[in-house]
Amino acid sequence: WSPGGFTDIAASLVTENGRNVMAEAYAFRTAREGASF
């Protein structure tokens, strides 16, 4: 879980193929202010 926009930052650190497999390793979720989970 991270704030909006973080996944784009993380994806910029790896190759295009790396982005695909990173999305398999992590289930990215967007946190929002005041929205408890």
PDB file of all heavy atoms in Angstrom:
ATOM      1  N   TRP A   1       0.840  -1.193   0.000  1.00  0.00           N
ATOM      2  CA  TRP A   1       0.000   0.000   0.000  1.00  0.00           C
ATOM      3  C   TRP A   1       0.874   1.242   0.000  1.00  0.00           C
ATOM      4  O   TRP A   1       1.884   1.311   0.702  1.00  0.00           O
ATOM      5  CB  TRP A   1      -0.903   0.001   1.227  1.00  0.00           C
ATOM      6  CG  TRP A   1      -2.033  -0.983   1.150  1.00  0.00           C
ATOM      7  CD1 TRP A   1      -1.972  -2.334   1.331  1.00  0.00           C
ATOM      8  CD2 TRP A   1      -3.410  -0.687   0.878  1.00  0.00           C
ATOM      9  NE1 TRP A   1      -3.210  -2.903   1.188  1.00  0.00           N
ATOM     10  CE2 TRP A   1      -4.121  -1.913   0.914  1.00  0.00           C
ATOM     11  CE3 TRP A   1      -4.114   0.490   0.618  1.00  0.00           C
ATOM     12  CZ2 TRP A   1      -5.496  -1.979   0.688  1.00  0.00           C
ATOM     13  CZ3 TRP A   1      -5.482   0.437   0.400  1.00  0.00           C
ATOM     14  CH2 TRP A   1      -6.162  -0.791   0.432  1.00  0.00           C
ATOM     15  N   SER A   2       0.463   2.239  -0.782  1.00  0.00           N
ATOM     16  CA  SER A   2       1.236   3.465  -0.912  1.00  0.00           C
ATOM     17  C   SER A   2       0.325   4.582  -1.394  1.00  0.00           C
ATOM     18  O   SER A   2      -0.789   4.326  -1.876  1.00  0.00           O
ATOM     19  CB  SER A   2       2.385   3.260  -1.905  1.00  0.00           C
ATOM     20  OG  SER A   2       1.868   2.966  -3.202  1.00  0.00           O
ATOM     21  N   PRO A   3       0.777   5.843  -1.303  1.00  0.00           N
ATOM     22  CA  PRO A   3      -0.016   6.946  -1.840  1.00  0.00           C
ATOM     23  C   PRO A   3      -0.119   6.868  -3.360  1.00  0.00           C
ATOM     24  O   PRO A   3       0.698   6.209  -4.026  1.00  0.00           O
ATOM     25  CB  PRO A   3       0.774   8.187  -1.419  1.00  0.00           C
ATOM     26  CG  PRO A   3       1.654   7.740  -0.308  1.00  0.00           C
ATOM     27  CD  PRO A   3       1.978   6.313  -0.599  1.00  0.00           C
ATOM     28  N   GLY A   4      -1.101   7.550  -3.916  1.00  0.00           N
ATOM     29  CA  GLY A   4      -1.252   7.603  -5.361  1.00  0.00           C
ATOM     30  C   GLY A   4      -0.001   8.146  -6.038  1.00  0.00           C
ATOM     31  O   GLY A   4       0.645   9.066  -5.542  1.00  0.00           O
ATOM     32  N   GLY A   5       0.359   7.548  -7.171  1.00  0.00           N
ATOM     33  CA  GLY A   5       1.532   7.962  -7.925  1.00  0.00           C
ATOM     34  C   GLY A   5       2.788   7.196  -7.588  1.00  0.00           C
ATOM     35  O   GLY A   5       3.768   7.254  -8.343  1.00  0.00           O
ATOM     36  N   PHE A   6       2.784   6.454  -6.487  1.00  0.00           N
ATOM     37  CA  PHE A   6       4.007   5.765  -6.092  1.00  0.00           C
ATOM     38  C   PHE A   6       4.373   4.653  -7.057  1.00  0.00           C
ATOM     39  O   PHE A   6       5.561   4.431  -7.328  1.00  0.00           O
ATOM     40  CB  PHE A   6       3.884   5.198  -4.677  1.00  0.00           C
ATOM     41  CG  PHE A   6       5.076   4.369  -4.283  1.00  0.00           C
ATOM     42  CD1 PHE A   6       6.267   4.976  -3.932  1.00  0.00           C
ATOM     43  CD2 PHE A   6       5.018   2.983  -4.301  1.00  0.00           C
ATOM     44  CE1 PHE A   6       7.387   4.221  -3.596  1.00  0.00           C
ATOM     45  CE2 PHE A   6       6.121   2.218  -3.966  1.00  0.00           C
ATOM     46  CZ  PHE A   6       7.302   2.840  -3.612  1.00  0.00           C
ATOM     47  N   THR A   7       3.398   3.930  -7.585  1.00  0.00           N
ATOM     48  CA  THR A   7       3.724   2.798  -8.456  1.00  0.00           C
ATOM     49  C   THR A   7       4.463   3.256  -9.706  1.00  0.00           C
ATOM     50  O   THR A   7       5.311   2.535 -10.222  1.00  0.00           O
ATOM     51  CB  THR A   7       2.467   2.010  -8.840  1.00  0.00           C
ATOM     52  OG1 THR A   7       1.503   2.908  -9.402  1.00  0.00           O
ATOM     53  CG2 THR A   7       1.870   1.325  -7.623  1.00  0.00           C
ATOM     54  N   ASP A   8       4.167   4.449 -10.198  1.00  0.00           N
ATOM     55  CA  ASP A   8       4.904   4.982 -11.353  1.00  0.00           C
ATOM     56  C   ASP A   8       6.365   5.231 -11.002  1.00  0.00           C
ATOM     57  O   ASP A   8       7.270   4.988 -11.815  1.00  0.00           O
ATOM     58  CB  ASP A   8       4.261   6.281 -11.847  1.00  0.00           C
ATOM     59  CG  ASP A   8       2.885   6.065 -12.438  1.00  0.00           C
ATOM     60  OD1 ASP A   8       2.603   4.943 -12.908  1.00  0.00           O
ATOM     61  OD2 ASP A   8       2.085   7.017 -12.446  1.00  0.00           O
ATOM     62  N   ILE A   9       6.600   5.725  -9.790  1.00  0.00           N
ATOM     63  CA  ILE A   9       7.978   5.946  -9.328  1.00  0.00           C
ATOM     64  C   ILE A   9       8.721   4.616  -9.243  1.00  0.00           C
ATOM     65  O   ILE A   9       9.851   4.482  -9.720  1.00  0.00           O
ATOM     66  CB  ILE A   9       7.971   6.656  -7.968  1.00  0.00           C
ATOM     67  CG1 ILE A   9       7.373   8.055  -8.098  1.00  0.00           C
ATOM     68  CG2 ILE A   9       9.380   6.733  -7.387  1.00  0.00           C
ATOM     69  CD1 ILE A   9       7.139   8.752  -6.769  1.00  0.00           C
ATOM     70  N   ALA A  10       8.072   3.627  -8.647  1.00  0.00           N
ATOM     71  CA  ALA A  10       8.710   2.317  -8.494  1.00  0.00           C
ATOM     72  C   ALA A  10       8.993   1.679  -9.847  1.00  0.00           C
ATOM     73  O   ALA A  10      10.059   1.081 -10.068  1.00  0.00           O
ATOM     74  CB  ALA A  10       7.823   1.402  -7.644  1.00  0.00           C
ATOM     75  N   ALA A  11       8.053   1.817 -10.776  1.00  0.00           N
ATOM     76  CA  ALA A  11       8.209   1.198 -12.090  1.00  0.00           C
ATOM     77  C   ALA A  11       9.366   1.801 -12.872  1.00  0.00           C
ATOM     78  O   ALA A  11       9.966   1.128 -13.723  1.00  0.00           O
ATOM     79  CB  ALA A  11       6.912   1.347 -12.890  1.00  0.00           C
ATOM     80  N   SER A  12       9.702   3.055 -12.578  1.00  0.00           N
ATOM     81  CA  SER A  12      10.779   3.720 -13.318  1.00  0.00           C
ATOM     82  C   SER A  12      12.152   3.144 -12.996  1.00  0.00           C
ATOM     83  O   SER A  12      13.129   3.426 -13.694  1.00  0.00           O
ATOM     84  CB  SER A  12      10.773   5.224 -13.016  1.00  0.00           C
ATOM     85  OG  SER A  12      11.184   5.488 -11.683  1.00  0.00           O
ATOM     86  N   LEU A  13      12.248   2.323 -11.956  1.00  0.00           N
ATOM     87  CA  LEU A  13      13.534   1.787 -11.522  1.00  0.00           C
ATOM     88  C   LEU A  13      13.899   0.467 -12.184  1.00  0.00           C
ATOM     89  O   LEU A  13      15.015  -0.020 -12.014  1.00  0.00           O
ATOM     90  CB  LEU A  13      13.524   1.593 -10.001  1.00  0.00           C
ATOM     91  CG  LEU A  13      13.271   2.849  -9.162  1.00  0.00           C
ATOM     92  CD1 LEU A  13      13.194   2.484  -7.686  1.00  0.00           C
ATOM     93  CD2 LEU A  13      14.362   3.889  -9.393  1.00  0.00           C
ATOM     94  N   VAL A  14      12.966  -0.110 -12.914  1.00  0.00           N
ATOM     95  CA  VAL A  14      13.224  -1.408 -13.537  1.00  0.00           C
ATOM     96  C   VAL A  14      12.851  -1.352 -15.017  1.00  0.00           C
ATOM     97  O   VAL A  14      12.263  -0.388 -15.496  1.00  0.00           O
ATOM     98  CB  VAL A  14      12.422  -2.535 -12.835  1.00  0.00           C
ATOM     99  CG1 VAL A  14      12.912  -2.735 -11.413  1.00  0.00           C
ATOM    100  CG2 VAL A  14      10.934  -2.228 -12.834  1.00  0.00           C
ATOM    101  N   THR A  15      13.207  -2.407 -15.760  1.00  0.00           N
ATOM    102  CA  THR A  15      12.884  -2.479 -17.181  1.00  0.00           C
ATOM    103  C   THR A  15      11.388  -2.711 -17.379  1.00  0.00           C
ATOM    104  O   THR A  15      10.647  -3.002 -16.434  1.00  0.00           O
ATOM    105  CB  THR A  15      13.643  -3.631 -17.843  1.00  0.00           C
ATOM    106  OG1 THR A  15      13.182  -4.869 -17.262  1.00  0.00           O
ATOM    107  CG2 THR A  15      15.147  -3.500 -17.632  1.00  0.00           C
ATOM    108  N   GLU A  16      10.958  -2.623 -18.621  1.00  0.00           N
ATOM    109  CA  GLU A  16       9.541  -2.852 -18.899  1.00  0.00           C
ATOM    110  C   GLU A  16       9.124  -4.253 -18.479  1.00  0.00           C
ATOM    111  O   GLU A  16       8.062  -4.450 -17.876  1.00  0.00           O
ATOM    112  CB  GLU A  16       9.247  -2.651 -20.389  1.00  0.00           C
ATOM    113  CG  GLU A  16       7.772  -2.794 -20.736  1.00  0.00           C
ATOM    114  CD  GLU A  16       7.468  -2.438 -22.183  1.00  0.00           C
ATOM    115  OE1 GLU A  16       8.370  -1.928 -22.874  1.00  0.00           O
ATOM    116  OE2 GLU A  16       6.336  -2.689 -22.609  1.00  0.00           O
ATOM    117  N   ASN A  17       9.965  -5.244 -18.766  1.00  0.00           N
ATOM    118  CA  ASN A  17       9.647  -6.601 -18.336  1.00  0.00           C
ATOM    119  C   ASN A  17       9.660  -6.694 -16.811  1.00  0.00           C
ATOM    120  O   ASN A  17       8.839  -7.388 -16.203  1.00  0.00           O
ATOM    121  CB  ASN A  17      10.647  -7.595 -18.919  1.00  0.00           C
ATOM    122  CG  ASN A  17      10.328  -9.032 -18.512  1.00  0.00           C
ATOM    123  OD1 ASN A  17       9.271  -9.553 -18.862  1.00  0.00           O
ATOM    124  ND2 ASN A  17      11.236  -9.658 -17.776  1.00  0.00           N
ATOM    125  N   GLY A  18      10.597  -5.964 -16.215  1.00  0.00           N
ATOM    126  CA  GLY A  18      10.664  -5.945 -14.758  1.00  0.00           C
ATOM    127  C   GLY A  18       9.399  -5.388 -14.141  1.00  0.00           C
ATOM    128  O   GLY A  18       8.962  -5.834 -13.082  1.00  0.00           O
ATOM    129  N   ARG A  19       8.802  -4.406 -14.809  1.00  0.00           N
ATOM    130  CA  ARG A  19       7.550  -3.842 -14.293  1.00  0.00           C
ATOM    131  C   ARG A  19       6.443  -4.888 -14.280  1.00  0.00           C
ATOM    132  O   ARG A  19       5.640  -4.946 -13.354  1.00  0.00           O
ATOM    133  CB  ARG A  19       7.127  -2.649 -15.155  1.00  0.00           C
ATOM    134  CG  ARG A  19       8.091  -1.488 -15.104  1.00  0.00           C
ATOM    135  CD  ARG A  19       7.755  -0.423 -16.140  1.00  0.00           C
ATOM    136  NE  ARG A  19       8.901   0.454 -16.341  1.00  0.00           N
ATOM    137  CZ  ARG A  19       8.961   1.404 -17.261  1.00  0.00           C
ATOM    138  NH1 ARG A  19       7.919   1.598 -18.059  1.00  0.00           N
ATOM    139  NH2 ARG A  19      10.029   2.155 -17.376  1.00  0.00           N
ATOM    140  N   ASN A  20       6.424  -5.706 -15.307  1.00  0.00           N
ATOM    141  CA  ASN A  20       5.391  -6.743 -15.381  1.00  0.00           C
ATOM    142  C   ASN A  20       5.534  -7.749 -14.251  1.00  0.00           C
ATOM    143  O   ASN A  20       4.559  -8.120 -13.598  1.00  0.00           O
ATOM    144  CB  ASN A  20       5.454  -7.451 -16.736  1.00  0.00           C
ATOM    145  CG  ASN A  20       5.101  -6.527 -17.882  1.00  0.00           C
ATOM    146  OD1 ASN A  20       4.367  -5.557 -17.712  1.00  0.00           O
ATOM    147  ND2 ASN A  20       5.633  -6.817 -19.063  1.00  0.00           N
ATOM    148  N   VAL A  21       6.783  -8.193 -14.012  1.00  0.00           N
ATOM    149  CA  VAL A  21       6.974  -9.199 -12.969  1.00  0.00           C
ATOM    150  C   VAL A  21       6.906  -8.571 -11.577  1.00  0.00           C
ATOM    151  O   VAL A  21       6.536  -9.233 -10.607  1.00  0.00           O
ATOM    152  CB  VAL A  21       8.288  -9.996 -13.165  1.00  0.00           C
ATOM    153  CG1 VAL A  21       8.185 -10.882 -14.382  1.00  0.00           C
ATOM    154  CG2 VAL A  21       9.496  -9.087 -13.242  1.00  0.00           C
ATOM    155  N   MET A  22       7.251  -7.278 -11.456  1.00  0.00           N
ATOM    156  CA  MET A  22       7.075  -6.610 -10.177  1.00  0.00           C
ATOM    157  C   MET A  22       5.594  -6.582  -9.796  1.00  0.00           C
ATOM    158  O   MET A  22       5.234  -6.741  -8.624  1.00  0.00           O
ATOM    159  CB  MET A  22       7.634  -5.184 -10.211  1.00  0.00           C
ATOM    160  CG  MET A  22       7.581  -4.494  -8.847  1.00  0.00           C
ATOM    161  SD  MET A  22       8.112  -2.769  -8.874  1.00  0.00           S
ATOM    162  CE  MET A  22       9.875  -2.970  -9.106  1.00  0.00           C
ATOM    163  N   ALA A  23       4.751  -6.405 -10.805  1.00  0.00           N
ATOM    164  CA  ALA A  23       3.305  -6.408 -10.558  1.00  0.00           C
ATOM    165  C   ALA A  23       2.794  -7.795 -10.183  1.00  0.00           C
ATOM    166  O   ALA A  23       1.681  -7.920  -9.657  1.00  0.00           O
ATOM    167  CB  ALA A  23       2.563  -5.891 -11.786  1.00  0.00           C
ATOM    168  N   GLU A  24       3.582  -8.821 -10.461  1.00  0.00           N
ATOM    169  CA  GLU A  24       3.237 -10.162  -9.990  1.00  0.00           C
ATOM    170  C   GLU A  24       3.717 -10.362  -8.549  1.00  0.00           C
ATOM    171  O   GLU A  24       3.014 -10.964  -7.735  1.00  0.00           O
ATOM    172  CB  GLU A  24       3.886 -11.217 -10.886  1.00  0.00           C
ATOM    173  CG  GLU A  24       3.396 -11.220 -12.328  1.00  0.00           C
ATOM    174  CD  GLU A  24       4.156 -12.226 -13.179  1.00  0.00           C
ATOM    175  OE1 GLU A  24       4.842 -13.096 -12.599  1.00  0.00           O
ATOM    176  OE2 GLU A  24       4.080 -12.121 -14.412  1.00  0.00           O
ATOM    177  N   ALA A  25       4.895  -9.855  -8.259  1.00  0.00           N
ATOM    178  CA  ALA A  25       5.450 -10.024  -6.914  1.00  0.00           C
ATOM    179  C   ALA A  25       4.658  -9.228  -5.885  1.00  0.00           C
ATOM    180  O   ALA A  25       4.441  -9.695  -4.757  1.00  0.00           O
ATOM    181  CB  ALA A  25       6.909  -9.580  -6.892  1.00  0.00           C
ATOM    182  N   TYR A  26       4.234  -8.003  -6.270  1.00  0.00           N
ATOM    183  CA  TYR A  26       3.487  -7.135  -5.367  1.00  0.00           C
ATOM    184  C   TYR A  26       2.052  -6.974  -5.856  1.00  0.00           C
ATOM    185  O   TYR A  26       1.802  -6.860  -7.054  1.00  0.00           O
ATOM    186  CB  TYR A  26       4.121  -5.746  -5.299  1.00  0.00           C
ATOM    187  CG  TYR A  26       5.497  -5.698  -4.667  1.00  0.00           C
ATOM    188  CD1 TYR A  26       6.603  -5.228  -5.382  1.00  0.00           C
ATOM    189  CD2 TYR A  26       5.692  -6.098  -3.351  1.00  0.00           C
ATOM    190  CE1 TYR A  26       7.860  -5.158  -4.803  1.00  0.00           C
ATOM    191  CE2 TYR A  26       6.943  -6.042  -2.763  1.00  0.00           C
ATOM    192  CZ  TYR A  26       8.020  -5.570  -3.495  1.00  0.00           C
ATOM    193  OH  TYR A  26       9.259  -5.510  -2.917  1.00  0.00           O
ATOM    194  N   ALA A  27       1.132  -6.927  -4.907  1.00  0.00           N
ATOM    195  CA  ALA A  27      -0.239  -6.509  -5.203  1.00  0.00           C
ATOM    196  C   ALA A  27      -0.339  -5.046  -4.784  1.00  0.00           C
ATOM    197  O   ALA A  27      -0.567  -4.736  -3.604  1.00  0.00           O
ATOM    198  CB  ALA A  27      -1.238  -7.371  -4.442  1.00  0.00           C
ATOM    199  N   PHE A  28      -0.093  -4.142  -5.739  1.00  0.00           N
ATOM    200  CA  PHE A  28      -0.070  -2.716  -5.431  1.00  0.00           C
ATOM    201  C   PHE A  28      -1.473  -2.216  -5.115  1.00  0.00           C
ATOM    202  O   PHE A  28      -2.429  -2.494  -5.844  1.00  0.00           O
ATOM    203  CB  PHE A  28       0.508  -1.928  -6.606  1.00  0.00           C
ATOM    204  CG  PHE A  28       1.990  -2.112  -6.789  1.00  0.00           C
ATOM    205  CD1 PHE A  28       2.495  -2.880  -7.841  1.00  0.00           C
ATOM    206  CD2 PHE A  28       2.894  -1.527  -5.917  1.00  0.00           C
ATOM    207  CE1 PHE A  28       3.859  -3.051  -8.020  1.00  0.00           C
ATOM    208  CE2 PHE A  28       4.266  -1.695  -6.084  1.00  0.00           C
ATOM    209  CZ  PHE A  28       4.748  -2.459  -7.139  1.00  0.00           C
ATOM    210  N   ARG A  29      -1.580  -1.457  -4.017  1.00  0.00           N
ATOM    211  CA  ARG A  29      -2.842  -0.873  -3.603  1.00  0.00           C
ATOM    212  C   ARG A  29      -2.616   0.610  -3.294  1.00  0.00           C
ATOM    213  O   ARG A  29      -1.563   0.979  -2.768  1.00  0.00           O
ATOM    214  CB  ARG A  29      -3.391  -1.579  -2.354  1.00  0.00           C
ATOM    215  CG  ARG A  29      -3.656  -3.069  -2.553  1.00  0.00           C
ATOM    216  CD  ARG A  29      -4.880  -3.299  -3.440  1.00  0.00           C
ATOM    217  NE  ARG A  29      -5.209  -4.716  -3.565  1.00  0.00           N
ATOM    218  CZ  ARG A  29      -4.791  -5.506  -4.554  1.00  0.00           C
ATOM    219  NH1 ARG A  29      -3.987  -5.009  -5.496  1.00  0.00           N
ATOM    220  NH2 ARG A  29      -5.143  -6.777  -4.603  1.00  0.00           N
ATOM    221  N   THR A  30      -3.607   1.433  -3.597  1.00  0.00           N
ATOM    222  CA  THR A  30      -3.493   2.876  -3.390  1.00  0.00           C
ATOM    223  C   THR A  30      -4.204   3.288  -2.114  1.00  0.00           C
ATOM    224  O   THR A  30      -5.415   3.078  -1.970  1.00  0.00           O
ATOM    225  CB  THR A  30      -4.081   3.648  -4.579  1.00  0.00           C
ATOM    226  OG1 THR A  30      -3.359   3.298  -5.764  1.00  0.00           O
ATOM    227  CG2 THR A  30      -3.971   5.147  -4.356  1.00  0.00           C
ATOM    228  N   ALA A  31      -3.442   3.858  -1.181  1.00  0.00           N
ATOM    229  CA  ALA A  31      -4.022   4.396   0.042  1.00  0.00           C
ATOM    230  C   ALA A  31      -4.584   5.788  -0.244  1.00  0.00           C
ATOM    231  O   ALA A  31      -4.055   6.528  -1.074  1.00  0.00           O
ATOM    232  CB  ALA A  31      -2.958   4.470   1.138  1.00  0.00           C
ATOM    233  N   ARG A  32      -5.647   6.130   0.473  1.00  0.00           N
ATOM    234  CA  ARG A  32      -6.281   7.439   0.311  1.00  0.00           C
ATOM    235  C   ARG A  32      -6.523   8.053   1.684  1.00  0.00           C
ATOM    236  O   ARG A  32      -6.886   7.349   2.626  1.00  0.00           O
ATOM    237  CB  ARG A  32      -7.593   7.315  -0.470  1.00  0.00           C
ATOM    238  CG  ARG A  32      -7.370   6.905  -1.919  1.00  0.00           C
ATOM    239  CD  ARG A  32      -8.676   6.733  -2.692  1.00  0.00           C
ATOM    240  NE  ARG A  32      -8.428   6.513  -4.117  1.00  0.00           N
ATOM    241  CZ  ARG A  32      -8.090   5.352  -4.650  1.00  0.00           C
ATOM    242  NH1 ARG A  32      -7.987   4.282  -3.878  1.00  0.00           N
ATOM    243  NH2 ARG A  32      -7.860   5.244  -5.944  1.00  0.00           N
ATOM    244  N   GLU A  33      -6.334   9.358   1.765  1.00  0.00           N
ATOM    245  CA  GLU A  33      -6.457  10.051   3.038  1.00  0.00           C
ATOM    246  C   GLU A  33      -7.806   9.765   3.701  1.00  0.00           C
ATOM    247  O   GLU A  33      -8.863   9.895   3.069  1.00  0.00           O
ATOM    248  CB  GLU A  33      -6.295  11.554   2.842  1.00  0.00           C
ATOM    249  CG  GLU A  33      -6.364  12.329   4.157  1.00  0.00           C
ATOM    250  CD  GLU A  33      -6.254  13.827   3.963  1.00  0.00           C
ATOM    251  OE1 GLU A  33      -6.416  14.305   2.821  1.00  0.00           O
ATOM    252  OE2 GLU A  33      -6.010  14.519   4.969  1.00  0.00           O
ATOM    253  N   GLY A  34      -7.734   9.349   4.958  1.00  0.00           N
ATOM    254  CA  GLY A  34      -8.937   9.133   5.739  1.00  0.00           C
ATOM    255  C   GLY A  34      -9.673   7.841   5.468  1.00  0.00           C
ATOM    256  O   GLY A  34     -10.629   7.522   6.180  1.00  0.00           O
ATOM    257  N   ALA A  35      -9.256   7.102   4.451  1.00  0.00           N
ATOM    258  CA  ALA A  35      -9.928   5.844   4.094  1.00  0.00           C
ATOM    259  C   ALA A  35      -9.210   4.683   4.773  1.00  0.00           C
ATOM    260  O   ALA A  35      -8.164   4.209   4.294  1.00  0.00           O
ATOM    261  CB  ALA A  35      -9.948   5.663   2.583  1.00  0.00           C
ATOM    262  N   SER A  36      -9.755   4.213   5.876  1.00  0.00           N
ATOM    263  CA  SER A  36      -9.115   3.135   6.633  1.00  0.00           C
ATOM    264  C   SER A  36      -9.203   1.815   5.881  1.00  0.00           C
ATOM    265  O   SER A  36     -10.134   1.579   5.109  1.00  0.00           O
ATOM    266  CB  SER A  36      -9.776   2.997   8.006  1.00  0.00           C
ATOM    267  OG  SER A  36      -9.642   4.186   8.765  1.00  0.00           O
ATOM    268  N   PHE A  37      -8.220   0.953   6.117  1.00  0.00           N
ATOM    269  CA  PHE A  37      -8.224  -0.387   5.537  1.00  0.00           C
ATOM    270  C   PHE A  37      -7.581  -1.339   6.533  1.00  0.00           C
ATOM    271  O   PHE A  37      -6.967  -0.911   7.517  1.00  0.00           O
ATOM    272  CB  PHE A  37      -7.506  -0.421   4.185  1.00  0.00           C
ATOM    273  CG  PHE A  37      -6.088   0.106   4.215  1.00  0.00           C
ATOM    274  CD1 PHE A  37      -5.004  -0.747   4.387  1.00  0.00           C
ATOM    275  CD2 PHE A  37      -5.830   1.468   4.048  1.00  0.00           C
ATOM    276  CE1 PHE A  37      -3.705  -0.273   4.410  1.00  0.00           C
ATOM    277  CE2 PHE A  37      -4.528   1.957   4.065  1.00  0.00           C
ATOM    278  CZ  PHE A  37      -3.466   1.083   4.242  1.00  0.00           C
TER     279      PHE A  37
END
